[in-house]
Amino acid sequence: MLPKRKRLTAQEVAKVLSRGRSMNSSRSPAVLSMKVLGVEGPSKIAVVVPKTLARKAVLRNSLRRAAYQGVSTLPFPSKGFHIIFFVRSVPKEAKTATFREESEVLLKKL
């Protein structure tokens, strides 16, 4: 799990959703997509798992934690970005490794 100072607050998430630009992975099937907003200050992220993808809260939380774990090992961009990762499908194996690879591909687009 990421430290709280590196995660987006509810107000920051609302700003990214309203003014951010979307990016999708070229992989098929896509596991993650993201929405990005350039800001002053440090980079922060959030992970969203929709209820339509995982009905049970236990599964949604485990997917969210696996995504945070995968993203936490990657270097963040030097200038400030607020990034929201959306989980689009449940990986069959090695969830953390899959999320790490997919987020690495998406972060290279910045």
Protein backbone atom coordinates (compact mmCIF):
# COMPACT_ATOMS: atom_id res chain seq x y z
CA MET A 1 0.00 0.00 0.00
CA LEU A 2 1.19 3.49 -0.75
CA PRO A 3 1.69 6.04 2.01
CA LYS A 4 -1.23 8.41 2.43
CA ARG A 5 0.82 11.40 1.26
CA LYS A 6 1.22 9.73 -2.16
CA ARG A 7 -2.50 8.95 -2.58
CA LEU A 8 -5.10 11.36 -3.97
CA THR A 9 -7.76 12.89 -1.75
CA ALA A 10 -11.43 12.90 -2.74
CA GLN A 11 -11.21 16.54 -3.88
CA GLU A 12 -8.15 15.82 -6.02
CA VAL A 13 -9.87 12.80 -7.58
CA ALA A 14 -12.84 15.00 -8.52
CA LYS A 15 -10.50 17.50 -10.24
CA VAL A 16 -8.73 14.78 -12.20
CA LEU A 17 -12.04 13.25 -13.30
CA SER A 18 -13.38 16.60 -14.50
CA ARG A 19 -10.24 18.07 -16.13
CA GLY A 20 -7.82 15.17 -16.74
CA ARG A 21 -6.99 13.47 -20.01
CA SER A 22 -7.54 9.75 -20.56
CA MET A 23 -4.93 7.24 -21.67
CA ASN A 24 -5.45 3.62 -22.59
CA SER A 25 -2.98 0.82 -22.92
CA SER A 26 -2.35 -0.68 -26.35
CA ARG A 27 -2.42 -4.16 -24.81
CA SER A 28 -5.33 -6.42 -25.48
CA PRO A 29 -7.25 -7.03 -23.28
CA ALA A 30 -6.50 -3.89 -21.30
CA VAL A 31 -6.10 -4.41 -17.58
CA LEU A 32 -5.65 -0.73 -16.66
CA SER A 33 -6.46 2.67 -18.08
CA MET A 34 -5.62 6.01 -16.52
CA LYS A 35 -6.62 9.63 -16.30
CA VAL A 36 -3.89 12.24 -15.77
CA LEU A 37 -3.78 15.88 -14.72
CA GLY A 38 -0.56 17.89 -14.56
CA VAL A 39 -0.19 19.87 -11.32
CA GLU A 40 2.36 21.73 -9.23
CA GLY A 41 3.91 19.71 -6.46
CA PRO A 42 4.46 16.00 -5.94
CA SER A 43 2.88 13.23 -7.97
CA LYS A 44 -0.03 11.34 -6.39
CA ILE A 45 -2.11 8.40 -7.52
CA ALA A 46 -5.40 6.64 -6.88
CA VAL A 47 -6.74 3.27 -8.02
CA VAL A 48 -10.41 2.73 -8.84
CA VAL A 49 -12.04 -0.68 -9.18
CA PRO A 50 -15.63 -0.34 -10.44
CA LYS A 51 -18.44 -2.24 -8.78
CA THR A 52 -19.47 -3.63 -12.16
CA LEU A 53 -16.12 -5.43 -12.38
CA ALA A 54 -16.03 -6.86 -8.85
CA ARG A 55 -19.34 -6.97 -7.03
CA LYS A 56 -17.92 -7.95 -3.63
CA ALA A 57 -16.05 -5.29 -1.66
CA VAL A 58 -13.47 -7.86 -0.56
CA LEU A 59 -12.47 -8.54 -4.18
CA ARG A 60 -12.49 -4.81 -5.08
CA ASN A 61 -10.21 -4.03 -2.13
CA SER A 62 -7.81 -6.87 -2.91
CA LEU A 63 -7.56 -5.71 -6.54
CA ARG A 64 -6.99 -2.13 -5.41
CA ARG A 65 -4.26 -3.21 -2.96
CA ALA A 66 -2.57 -5.34 -5.63
CA ALA A 67 -2.60 -2.39 -8.03
CA TYR A 68 -1.15 -0.06 -5.37
CA GLN A 69 1.53 -2.66 -4.62
CA GLY A 70 2.44 -2.93 -8.30
CA VAL A 71 2.53 0.81 -8.86
CA SER A 72 4.49 1.55 -5.67
CA THR A 73 7.65 -0.06 -7.07
CA LEU A 74 7.71 2.14 -10.17
CA PRO A 75 9.49 5.50 -10.31
CA PHE A 76 7.07 8.40 -10.52
CA PRO A 77 7.51 11.20 -13.08
CA SER A 78 9.69 14.07 -11.87
CA LYS A 79 7.10 16.79 -12.45
CA GLY A 80 3.80 16.73 -10.65
CA PHE A 81 0.98 14.56 -11.91
CA HIS A 82 -2.24 13.42 -10.35
CA ILE A 83 -3.02 9.99 -11.80
CA ILE A 84 -6.07 7.76 -11.43
CA PHE A 85 -5.71 4.15 -12.55
CA PHE A 86 -8.94 2.37 -13.49
CA VAL A 87 -8.93 -1.42 -13.33
CA ARG A 88 -10.65 -2.66 -16.50
CA SER A 89 -10.34 -6.44 -16.10
CA VAL A 90 -9.26 -8.92 -13.45
CA PRO A 91 -5.90 -10.53 -14.26
CA LYS A 92 -5.90 -14.33 -14.12
CA GLU A 93 -2.46 -14.75 -12.52
CA ALA A 94 0.14 -12.64 -10.72
CA LYS A 95 -2.08 -9.63 -10.15
CA THR A 96 0.65 -7.41 -8.73
CA ALA A 97 3.09 -8.19 -11.55
CA THR A 98 0.40 -7.65 -14.18
CA PHE A 99 -0.58 -4.29 -12.68
CA ARG A 100 3.12 -3.28 -12.50
CA GLU A 101 3.71 -4.09 -16.19
CA GLU A 102 0.53 -2.39 -17.35
CA SER A 103 1.11 0.76 -15.28
CA GLU A 104 4.70 0.94 -16.52
CA VAL A 105 3.41 0.95 -20.12
CA LEU A 106 0.91 3.69 -19.28
CA LEU A 107 3.43 5.85 -17.39
CA LYS A 108 5.79 5.82 -20.39
CA LYS A 109 3.10 7.75 -22.32
CA LEU A 110 3.45 10.78 -20.03
